[in-house]
Amino acid sequence: MNQCAYIKRLTEKLGVDQCKDVHTPPNESKKLTKLGDDDEFVPKWPNRELVGALMYVTTCTRPDIRHAVGEVAKYCERHGKSHWIAANCVLKYLKTTAYYSIVFHGKAKGELLGFADASWASDLDSRRSTTGYVFFLHGNVVSWKSKIQPTVATSTTEAEYIALYAAAQEAVWLRLLLSDIGVELGAATSIYEDNQDCIALAKNPVYHTRTKHIDIKYHFLRDKVKEGVIELEYMPTEAMIADGLTKALGRTKHAVFLQGLHLEV
């Protein structure tokens, strides 16, 4: 399942169909920020149109650009040249990888699995963290998200806990959806996380000396673990698939990210 025809029309429309190949959606060495009060605002470029088109692609078939699109989408109201260049970089990457597809293998078997991660204080304007998660059913990617967290996390553990909460909500919804269409999941849904303190916080109610300020709603995660709906598993950072949904990656790590998502040509 891909959108290569749509991507081709989009690249031709915006004049990047003959550009050099780009192998990663963003530049990991550059982070976007808001325009200053004295910065020149450049309204002539169709930034909203481009970002909307990119959002459509990543929502349907391309989880590999979800974080990059989320970054440029934050500046639709007031964008400058740096924001436009970043959005164009994503489009050029899509031109290079237009035939990347989500492939559903009917013979694959397995349960619903999730991977959750967070990038602490990654937004340079608000210092909020970024949540990223992805879910697989029978080895096929079925759900993904990258989003700035609603509150400022005061530690990496808190940021990861908020990300796990979001992933737990998605897991519960997916389980209900599958149940409605007659697919019963016998075992708890495993969600993999790379922060062991965060896992301990979710599993052990006593382990909260430095985290008493965390909003009560995030302890929904703890309830689902206790009920046996969700099982938290540790996964090392270097193997964490959701890492690419929280930050820009270099070419080597991005290739590993693509492999983890099972995107195929």
C-alpha atoms as a PDB file:
ATOM      1  CA  MET A   1       0.000   0.000   0.000  1.00  0.00           C
ATOM      2  CA  ASN A   2       1.621   3.241  -1.145  1.00  0.00           C
ATOM      3  CA  GLN A   3       0.863   6.705  -2.511  1.00  0.00           C
ATOM      4  CA  CYS A   4       3.526   6.905  -5.210  1.00  0.00           C
ATOM      5  CA  ALA A   5       1.127   8.406  -7.790  1.00  0.00           C
ATOM      6  CA  TYR A   6       0.032  11.138  -5.367  1.00  0.00           C
ATOM      7  CA  ILE A   7       3.640  11.858  -4.394  1.00  0.00           C
ATOM      8  CA  LYS A   8       4.641  12.115  -8.060  1.00  0.00           C
ATOM      9  CA  ARG A   9       1.894  14.654  -8.784  1.00  0.00           C
ATOM     10  CA  LEU A  10       2.833  16.648  -5.684  1.00  0.00           C
ATOM     11  CA  THR A  11       6.546  16.786  -6.525  1.00  0.00           C
ATOM     12  CA  GLU A  12       5.796  17.836 -10.100  1.00  0.00           C
ATOM     13  CA  LYS A  13       3.420  20.552  -8.910  1.00  0.00           C
ATOM     14  CA  LEU A  14       6.014  22.056  -6.568  1.00  0.00           C
ATOM     15  CA  GLY A  15       8.924  21.599  -8.952  1.00  0.00           C
ATOM     16  CA  VAL A  16      11.088  19.125  -7.046  1.00  0.00           C
ATOM     17  CA  ASP A  17      10.571  16.106  -9.316  1.00  0.00           C
ATOM     18  CA  GLN A  18      14.080  16.532 -10.793  1.00  0.00           C
ATOM     19  CA  CYS A  19      15.895  17.229  -7.515  1.00  0.00           C
ATOM     20  CA  LYS A  20      18.798  15.198  -6.158  1.00  0.00           C
ATOM     21  CA  ASP A  21      17.942  12.232  -3.972  1.00  0.00           C
ATOM     22  CA  VAL A  22      17.439  12.911  -0.263  1.00  0.00           C
ATOM     23  CA  HIS A  23      17.697   9.890   2.031  1.00  0.00           C
ATOM     24  CA  THR A  24      16.398  11.289   5.333  1.00  0.00           C
ATOM     25  CA  PRO A  25      13.333  13.525   5.828  1.00  0.00           C
ATOM     26  CA  PRO A  26      14.910  16.115   8.189  1.00  0.00           C
ATOM     27  CA  ASN A  27      18.415  17.232   9.072  1.00  0.00           C
ATOM     28  CA  GLU A  28      19.314  15.870  12.506  1.00  0.00           C
ATOM     29  CA  SER A  29      21.727  18.766  13.131  1.00  0.00           C
ATOM     30  CA  LYS A  30      19.101  21.490  12.707  1.00  0.00           C
ATOM     31  CA  LYS A  31      16.067  22.201  14.877  1.00  0.00           C
ATOM     32  CA  LEU A  32      13.284  24.573  13.950  1.00  0.00           C
ATOM     33  CA  THR A  33      12.177  27.468  16.153  1.00  0.00           C
ATOM     34  CA  LYS A  34       9.580  30.216  15.973  1.00  0.00           C
ATOM     35  CA  LEU A  35      10.302  33.370  14.020  1.00  0.00           C
ATOM     36  CA  GLY A  36      11.469  36.297  16.127  1.00  0.00           C
ATOM     37  CA  ASP A  37       9.425  39.501  16.265  1.00  0.00           C
ATOM     38  CA  ASP A  38      11.838  41.206  13.880  1.00  0.00           C
ATOM     39  CA  ASP A  39      12.239  38.295  11.461  1.00  0.00           C
ATOM     40  CA  GLU A  40      10.896  38.683   7.984  1.00  0.00           C
ATOM     41  CA  PHE A  41       7.662  36.813   7.390  1.00  0.00           C
ATOM     42  CA  VAL A  42       7.443  35.325   3.904  1.00  0.00           C
ATOM     43  CA  PRO A  43       3.802  34.605   2.998  1.00  0.00           C
ATOM     44  CA  LYS A  44       4.258  33.985  -0.743  1.00  0.00           C
ATOM     45  CA  TRP A  45       5.152  30.297  -0.435  1.00  0.00           C
ATOM     46  CA  PRO A  46       2.191  27.848  -0.197  1.00  0.00           C
ATOM     47  CA  ASN A  47       3.422  26.437   3.096  1.00  0.00           C
ATOM     48  CA  ARG A  48      -0.009  25.413   4.408  1.00  0.00           C
ATOM     49  CA  GLU A  49      -0.789  23.562   1.191  1.00  0.00           C
ATOM     50  CA  LEU A  50       2.503  21.673   1.278  1.00  0.00           C
ATOM     51  CA  VAL A  51       2.273  20.752   4.960  1.00  0.00           C
ATOM     52  CA  GLY A  52      -1.338  19.618   4.500  1.00  0.00           C
ATOM     53  CA  ALA A  53      -0.287  17.357   1.627  1.00  0.00           C
ATOM     54  CA  LEU A  54       2.574  15.916   3.680  1.00  0.00           C
ATOM     55  CA  MET A  55       0.212  15.326   6.598  1.00  0.00           C
ATOM     56  CA  TYR A  56      -2.128  13.383   4.309  1.00  0.00           C
ATOM     57  CA  VAL A  57       0.711  11.130   3.138  1.00  0.00           C
ATOM     58  CA  THR A  58       2.089  10.393   6.598  1.00  0.00           C
ATOM     59  CA  THR A  59      -1.373   9.723   8.030  1.00  0.00           C
ATOM     60  CA  CYS A  60      -2.170   7.139   5.363  1.00  0.00           C
ATOM     61  CA  THR A  61       0.981   5.229   4.470  1.00  0.00           C
ATOM     62  CA  ARG A  62       4.244   6.807   5.640  1.00  0.00           C
ATOM     63  CA  PRO A  63       5.036   6.566   9.360  1.00  0.00           C
ATOM     64  CA  ASP A  64       8.694   7.261   8.533  1.00  0.00           C
ATOM     65  CA  ILE A  65       7.992  10.983   7.971  1.00  0.00           C
ATOM     66  CA  ARG A  66       5.556  11.465  10.855  1.00  0.00           C
ATOM     67  CA  HIS A  67       7.966  13.267  13.161  1.00  0.00           C
ATOM     68  CA  ALA A  68       9.376  15.483  10.409  1.00  0.00           C
ATOM     69  CA  VAL A  69       5.903  16.518   9.260  1.00  0.00           C
ATOM     70  CA  GLY A  70       4.851  17.237  12.836  1.00  0.00           C
ATOM     71  CA  GLU A  71       7.838  19.543  13.219  1.00  0.00           C
ATOM     72  CA  VAL A  72       7.052  21.673  10.156  1.00  0.00           C
ATOM     73  CA  ALA A  73       3.316  21.668  10.937  1.00  0.00           C
ATOM     74  CA  LYS A  74       3.970  23.599  14.156  1.00  0.00           C
ATOM     75  CA  TYR A  75       4.927  26.674  12.147  1.00  0.00           C
ATOM     76  CA  CYS A  76       2.071  26.926   9.644  1.00  0.00           C
ATOM     77  CA  GLU A  77       0.709  30.098  11.238  1.00  0.00           C
ATOM     78  CA  ARG A  78       3.967  32.014  10.886  1.00  0.00           C
ATOM     79  CA  HIS A  79       6.649  30.452   8.767  1.00  0.00           C
ATOM     80  CA  GLY A  80       9.921  31.623   7.346  1.00  0.00           C
ATOM     81  CA  LYS A  81      12.519  30.361   4.916  1.00  0.00           C
ATOM     82  CA  SER A  82      13.940  27.753   7.314  1.00  0.00           C
ATOM     83  CA  HIS A  83      10.503  26.205   7.803  1.00  0.00           C
ATOM     84  CA  TRP A  84       9.854  26.126   4.064  1.00  0.00           C
ATOM     85  CA  ILE A  85      13.255  24.490   3.422  1.00  0.00           C
ATOM     86  CA  ALA A  86      12.493  21.833   6.060  1.00  0.00           C
ATOM     87  CA  ALA A  87       9.099  21.057   4.502  1.00  0.00           C
ATOM     88  CA  ASN A  88      10.715  20.851   1.067  1.00  0.00           C
ATOM     89  CA  CYS A  89      13.316  18.461   2.458  1.00  0.00           C
ATOM     90  CA  VAL A  90      10.514  16.107   3.499  1.00  0.00           C
ATOM     91  CA  LEU A  91       8.968  16.376   0.034  1.00  0.00           C
ATOM     92  CA  LYS A  92      12.308  15.634  -1.654  1.00  0.00           C
ATOM     93  CA  TYR A  93      12.708  12.615   0.607  1.00  0.00           C
ATOM     94  CA  LEU A  94       9.262  11.409  -0.487  1.00  0.00           C
ATOM     95  CA  LYS A  95      10.290  11.862  -4.122  1.00  0.00           C
ATOM     96  CA  THR A  96      13.337   9.664  -3.453  1.00  0.00           C
ATOM     97  CA  THR A  97      11.327   7.008  -1.601  1.00  0.00           C
ATOM     98  CA  ALA A  98       7.984   7.261  -3.408  1.00  0.00           C
ATOM     99  CA  TYR A  99       7.634   3.494  -3.783  1.00  0.00           C
ATOM    100  CA  TYR A 100       8.112   2.687  -0.104  1.00  0.00           C
ATOM    101  CA  SER A 101       5.026   0.727   0.883  1.00  0.00           C
ATOM    102  CA  ILE A 102       3.244  -0.758   3.855  1.00  0.00           C
ATOM    103  CA  VAL A 103       2.971  -4.460   3.054  1.00  0.00           C
ATOM    104  CA  PHE A 104       0.490  -6.636   4.915  1.00  0.00           C
ATOM    105  CA  HIS A 105       1.684 -10.228   5.035  1.00  0.00           C
ATOM    106  CA  GLY A 106      -1.328 -12.490   5.454  1.00  0.00           C
ATOM    107  CA  LYS A 107       0.724 -15.460   6.594  1.00  0.00           C
ATOM    108  CA  ALA A 108       2.409 -13.625   9.454  1.00  0.00           C
ATOM    109  CA  LYS A 109       1.110 -14.440  12.921  1.00  0.00           C
ATOM    110  CA  GLY A 110       1.502 -12.748  16.264  1.00  0.00           C
ATOM    111  CA  GLU A 111      -0.198 -10.509  18.751  1.00  0.00           C
ATOM    112  CA  LEU A 112      -0.665  -6.749  18.941  1.00  0.00           C
ATOM    113  CA  LEU A 113       2.694  -5.190  19.879  1.00  0.00           C
ATOM    114  CA  GLY A 114       3.533  -1.590  20.698  1.00  0.00           C
ATOM    115  CA  PHE A 115       6.697   0.495  20.985  1.00  0.00           C
ATOM    116  CA  ALA A 116       6.758   3.822  22.842  1.00  0.00           C
ATOM    117  CA  ASP A 117       9.445   6.448  23.259  1.00  0.00           C
ATOM    118  CA  ALA A 118       9.911  10.102  24.175  1.00  0.00           C
ATOM    119  CA  SER A 119      12.436  12.832  23.445  1.00  0.00           C
ATOM    120  CA  TRP A 120      12.759  14.978  26.557  1.00  0.00           C
ATOM    121  CA  ALA A 121      12.410  18.773  26.198  1.00  0.00           C
ATOM    122  CA  SER A 122      12.849  18.486  22.435  1.00  0.00           C
ATOM    123  CA  ASP A 123      10.791  21.559  21.512  1.00  0.00           C
ATOM    124  CA  LEU A 124      13.142  24.540  21.742  1.00  0.00           C
ATOM    125  CA  ASP A 125      10.316  27.069  22.078  1.00  0.00           C
ATOM    126  CA  SER A 126       8.198  25.434  24.804  1.00  0.00           C
ATOM    127  CA  ARG A 127      10.673  22.832  26.161  1.00  0.00           C
ATOM    128  CA  ARG A 128       7.927  20.241  25.924  1.00  0.00           C
ATOM    129  CA  SER A 129       8.840  16.662  25.080  1.00  0.00           C
ATOM    130  CA  THR A 130       7.829  14.598  22.067  1.00  0.00           C
ATOM    131  CA  THR A 131       5.793  11.390  22.295  1.00  0.00           C
ATOM    132  CA  GLY A 132       6.190   8.678  19.692  1.00  0.00           C
ATOM    133  CA  TYR A 133       4.577   5.261  19.426  1.00  0.00           C
ATOM    134  CA  VAL A 134       3.915   2.597  16.821  1.00  0.00           C
ATOM    135  CA  PHE A 135       1.819  -0.584  16.900  1.00  0.00           C
ATOM    136  CA  PHE A 136       2.071  -3.783  14.888  1.00  0.00           C
ATOM    137  CA  LEU A 137      -0.575  -6.467  14.401  1.00  0.00           C
ATOM    138  CA  HIS A 138       0.732  -9.840  13.200  1.00  0.00           C
ATOM    139  CA  GLY A 139       3.966  -8.082  12.275  1.00  0.00           C
ATOM    140  CA  ASN A 140       2.245  -5.399  10.185  1.00  0.00           C
ATOM    141  CA  VAL A 141       2.332  -1.705  11.125  1.00  0.00           C
ATOM    142  CA  VAL A 142      -1.214  -0.510  11.861  1.00  0.00           C
ATOM    143  CA  SER A 143      -0.910   2.631  14.006  1.00  0.00           C
ATOM    144  CA  TRP A 144       1.685   5.353  14.608  1.00  0.00           C
ATOM    145  CA  LYS A 145       1.918   8.767  16.193  1.00  0.00           C
ATOM    146  CA  SER A 146       4.369  11.575  16.918  1.00  0.00           C
ATOM    147  CA  LYS A 147       3.140  14.476  19.013  1.00  0.00           C
ATOM    148  CA  ILE A 148       4.338  17.222  21.332  1.00  0.00           C
ATOM    149  CA  GLN A 149       3.277  16.445  24.904  1.00  0.00           C
ATOM    150  CA  PRO A 150       0.609  18.686  26.494  1.00  0.00           C
ATOM    151  CA  THR A 151       2.706  19.576  29.551  1.00  0.00           C
ATOM    152  CA  VAL A 152       6.368  20.202  30.337  1.00  0.00           C
ATOM    153  CA  ALA A 153       8.022  17.083  31.759  1.00  0.00           C
ATOM    154  CA  THR A 154      10.607  17.746  34.460  1.00  0.00           C
ATOM    155  CA  SER A 155      12.596  14.571  33.792  1.00  0.00           C
ATOM    156  CA  THR A 156      13.225  11.943  31.154  1.00  0.00           C
ATOM    157  CA  THR A 157      11.278   9.411  33.219  1.00  0.00           C
ATOM    158  CA  GLU A 158       8.234  11.670  33.339  1.00  0.00           C
ATOM    159  CA  ALA A 159       8.388  12.276  29.586  1.00  0.00           C
ATOM    160  CA  GLU A 160       8.593   8.535  28.927  1.00  0.00           C
ATOM    161  CA  TYR A 161       5.710   7.902  31.343  1.00  0.00           C
ATOM    162  CA  ILE A 162       3.493  10.382  29.481  1.00  0.00           C
ATOM    163  CA  ALA A 163       4.447   8.695  26.203  1.00  0.00           C
ATOM    164  CA  LEU A 164       3.545   5.290  27.634  1.00  0.00           C
ATOM    165  CA  TYR A 165       0.193   6.678  28.762  1.00  0.00           C
ATOM    166  CA  ALA A 166      -0.576   7.765  25.196  1.00  0.00           C
ATOM    167  CA  ALA A 167       0.497   4.376  23.869  1.00  0.00           C
ATOM    168  CA  ALA A 168      -1.652   2.605  26.463  1.00  0.00           C
ATOM    169  CA  GLN A 169      -4.701   4.585  25.362  1.00  0.00           C
ATOM    170  CA  GLU A 170      -4.061   3.571  21.758  1.00  0.00           C
ATOM    171  CA  ALA A 171      -3.567  -0.067  22.753  1.00  0.00           C
ATOM    172  CA  VAL A 172      -6.902  -0.157  24.581  1.00  0.00           C
ATOM    173  CA  TRP A 173      -8.662   1.433  21.598  1.00  0.00           C
ATOM    174  CA  LEU A 174      -7.067  -1.002  19.137  1.00  0.00           C
ATOM    175  CA  ARG A 175      -8.050  -3.972  21.295  1.00  0.00           C
ATOM    176  CA  LEU A 176     -11.664  -2.767  21.393  1.00  0.00           C
ATOM    177  CA  LEU A 177     -11.672  -2.183  17.631  1.00  0.00           C
ATOM    178  CA  LEU A 178     -10.308  -5.656  16.960  1.00  0.00           C
ATOM    179  CA  SER A 179     -12.865  -7.161  19.329  1.00  0.00           C
ATOM    180  CA  ASP A 180     -15.670  -5.384  17.456  1.00  0.00           C
ATOM    181  CA  ILE A 181     -14.622  -7.021  14.184  1.00  0.00           C
ATOM    182  CA  GLY A 182     -14.263 -10.455  15.745  1.00  0.00           C
ATOM    183  CA  VAL A 183     -10.521 -10.568  16.416  1.00  0.00           C
ATOM    184  CA  GLU A 184      -9.947 -11.649  19.993  1.00  0.00           C
ATOM    185  CA  LEU A 185      -6.547 -11.058  21.571  1.00  0.00           C
ATOM    186  CA  GLY A 186      -5.887 -13.666  24.200  1.00  0.00           C
ATOM    187  CA  ALA A 187      -2.798 -12.224  25.823  1.00  0.00           C
ATOM    188  CA  ALA A 188      -1.985  -8.798  27.201  1.00  0.00           C
ATOM    189  CA  THR A 189      -0.664  -6.274  24.695  1.00  0.00           C
ATOM    190  CA  SER A 190       3.079  -5.826  25.137  1.00  0.00           C
ATOM    191  CA  ILE A 191       4.434  -2.295  24.868  1.00  0.00           C
ATOM    192  CA  TYR A 192       8.205  -1.931  24.664  1.00  0.00           C
ATOM    193  CA  GLU A 193       9.926   0.979  26.405  1.00  0.00           C
ATOM    194  CA  ASP A 194      13.615   1.930  26.750  1.00  0.00           C
ATOM    195  CA  ASN A 195      13.462   3.595  30.182  1.00  0.00           C
ATOM    196  CA  GLN A 196      13.557   1.151  33.086  1.00  0.00           C
ATOM    197  CA  ASP A 197      12.669   3.791  35.702  1.00  0.00           C
ATOM    198  CA  CYS A 198       9.513   4.533  33.742  1.00  0.00           C
ATOM    199  CA  ILE A 199       8.563   0.846  33.671  1.00  0.00           C
ATOM    200  CA  ALA A 200       9.167   0.599  37.419  1.00  0.00           C
ATOM    201  CA  LEU A 201       6.962   3.644  38.015  1.00  0.00           C
ATOM    202  CA  ALA A 202       4.113   2.041  36.081  1.00  0.00           C
ATOM    203  CA  LYS A 203       4.439  -1.346  37.782  1.00  0.00           C
ATOM    204  CA  ASN A 204       5.126  -0.273  41.363  1.00  0.00           C
ATOM    205  CA  PRO A 205       2.797   2.311  42.997  1.00  0.00           C
ATOM    206  CA  VAL A 206       5.334   2.874  45.799  1.00  0.00           C
ATOM    207  CA  TYR A 207       7.957   4.008  43.299  1.00  0.00           C
ATOM    208  CA  HIS A 208       6.846   7.649  43.080  1.00  0.00           C
ATOM    209  CA  THR A 209       8.910   9.736  45.500  1.00  0.00           C
ATOM    210  CA  ARG A 210      10.050  12.148  42.789  1.00  0.00           C
ATOM    211  CA  THR A 211       6.953  11.864  40.614  1.00  0.00           C
ATOM    212  CA  LYS A 212       4.059  12.784  42.898  1.00  0.00           C
ATOM    213  CA  HIS A 213       3.367  15.854  40.774  1.00  0.00           C
ATOM    214  CA  ILE A 214       2.471  13.787  37.690  1.00  0.00           C
ATOM    215  CA  ASP A 215      -1.157  14.343  36.688  1.00  0.00           C
ATOM    216  CA  ILE A 216      -3.517  11.643  37.968  1.00  0.00           C
ATOM    217  CA  LYS A 217      -4.804  10.893  34.452  1.00  0.00           C
ATOM    218  CA  TYR A 218      -1.437   9.464  33.433  1.00  0.00           C
ATOM    219  CA  HIS A 219      -1.831   6.719  36.034  1.00  0.00           C
ATOM    220  CA  PHE A 220      -4.424   5.189  33.699  1.00  0.00           C
ATOM    221  CA  LEU A 221      -1.341   3.345  32.473  1.00  0.00           C
ATOM    222  CA  ARG A 222      -0.745   1.834  35.903  1.00  0.00           C
ATOM    223  CA  ASP A 223      -4.337   0.573  36.069  1.00  0.00           C
ATOM    224  CA  LYS A 224      -4.102  -1.151  32.697  1.00  0.00           C
ATOM    225  CA  VAL A 225      -0.873  -2.852  33.719  1.00  0.00           C
ATOM    226  CA  LYS A 226      -2.498  -4.041  36.950  1.00  0.00           C
ATOM    227  CA  GLU A 227      -5.563  -5.308  35.054  1.00  0.00           C
ATOM    228  CA  GLY A 228      -3.373  -7.370  32.738  1.00  0.00           C
ATOM    229  CA  VAL A 229      -4.472  -5.506  29.623  1.00  0.00           C
ATOM    230  CA  ILE A 230      -0.972  -4.149  29.005  1.00  0.00           C
ATOM    231  CA  GLU A 231       2.408  -5.668  29.726  1.00  0.00           C
ATOM    232  CA  LEU A 232       5.469  -3.421  29.744  1.00  0.00           C
ATOM    233  CA  GLU A 233       8.733  -4.785  28.375  1.00  0.00           C
ATOM    234  CA  TYR A 234      12.194  -3.238  28.319  1.00  0.00           C
ATOM    235  CA  MET A 235      13.977  -2.672  25.018  1.00  0.00           C
ATOM    236  CA  PRO A 236      17.412  -1.011  24.651  1.00  0.00           C
ATOM    237  CA  THR A 237      17.444   2.439  23.066  1.00  0.00           C
ATOM    238  CA  GLU A 238      19.488   1.304  20.065  1.00  0.00           C
ATOM    239  CA  ALA A 239      16.749  -1.208  19.173  1.00  0.00           C
ATOM    240  CA  MET A 240      13.762   1.063  19.900  1.00  0.00           C
ATOM    241  CA  ILE A 241      11.636   1.371  16.743  1.00  0.00           C
ATOM    242  CA  ALA A 242       9.692   4.388  18.052  1.00  0.00           C
ATOM    243  CA  ASP A 243      12.903   6.430  18.352  1.00  0.00           C
ATOM    244  CA  GLY A 244      12.403   7.748  14.826  1.00  0.00           C
ATOM    245  CA  LEU A 245       9.011   9.129  15.823  1.00  0.00           C
ATOM    246  CA  THR A 246      10.514  11.417  18.472  1.00  0.00           C
ATOM    247  CA  LYS A 247      13.596  12.908  16.833  1.00  0.00           C
ATOM    248  CA  ALA A 248      15.456  13.360  13.563  1.00  0.00           C
ATOM    249  CA  LEU A 249      17.845  10.530  12.742  1.00  0.00           C
ATOM    250  CA  GLY A 250      20.999  10.327  10.672  1.00  0.00           C
ATOM    251  CA  ARG A 251      21.050   8.206   7.542  1.00  0.00           C
ATOM    252  CA  THR A 252      22.325   5.021   9.196  1.00  0.00           C
ATOM    253  CA  LYS A 253      19.839   5.103  12.075  1.00  0.00           C
ATOM    254  CA  HIS A 254      17.041   6.120   9.722  1.00  0.00           C
ATOM    255  CA  ALA A 255      17.711   3.021   7.617  1.00  0.00           C
ATOM    256  CA  VAL A 256      17.331   0.899  10.759  1.00  0.00           C
ATOM    257  CA  PHE A 257      14.097   2.766  11.550  1.00  0.00           C
ATOM    258  CA  LEU A 258      12.721   1.936   8.082  1.00  0.00           C
ATOM    259  CA  GLN A 259      13.638  -1.702   8.553  1.00  0.00           C
ATOM    260  CA  GLY A 260      11.846  -1.774  11.891  1.00  0.00           C
ATOM    261  CA  LEU A 261       8.688  -0.320  10.323  1.00  0.00           C
ATOM    262  CA  HIS A 262       8.803  -3.051   7.642  1.00  0.00           C
ATOM    263  CA  LEU A 263       8.418  -0.529   4.830  1.00  0.00           C
ATOM    264  CA  GLU A 264       9.204  -2.245   1.538  1.00  0.00           C
ATOM    265  CA  VAL A 265       9.801  -1.157  -2.047  1.00  0.00           C
END
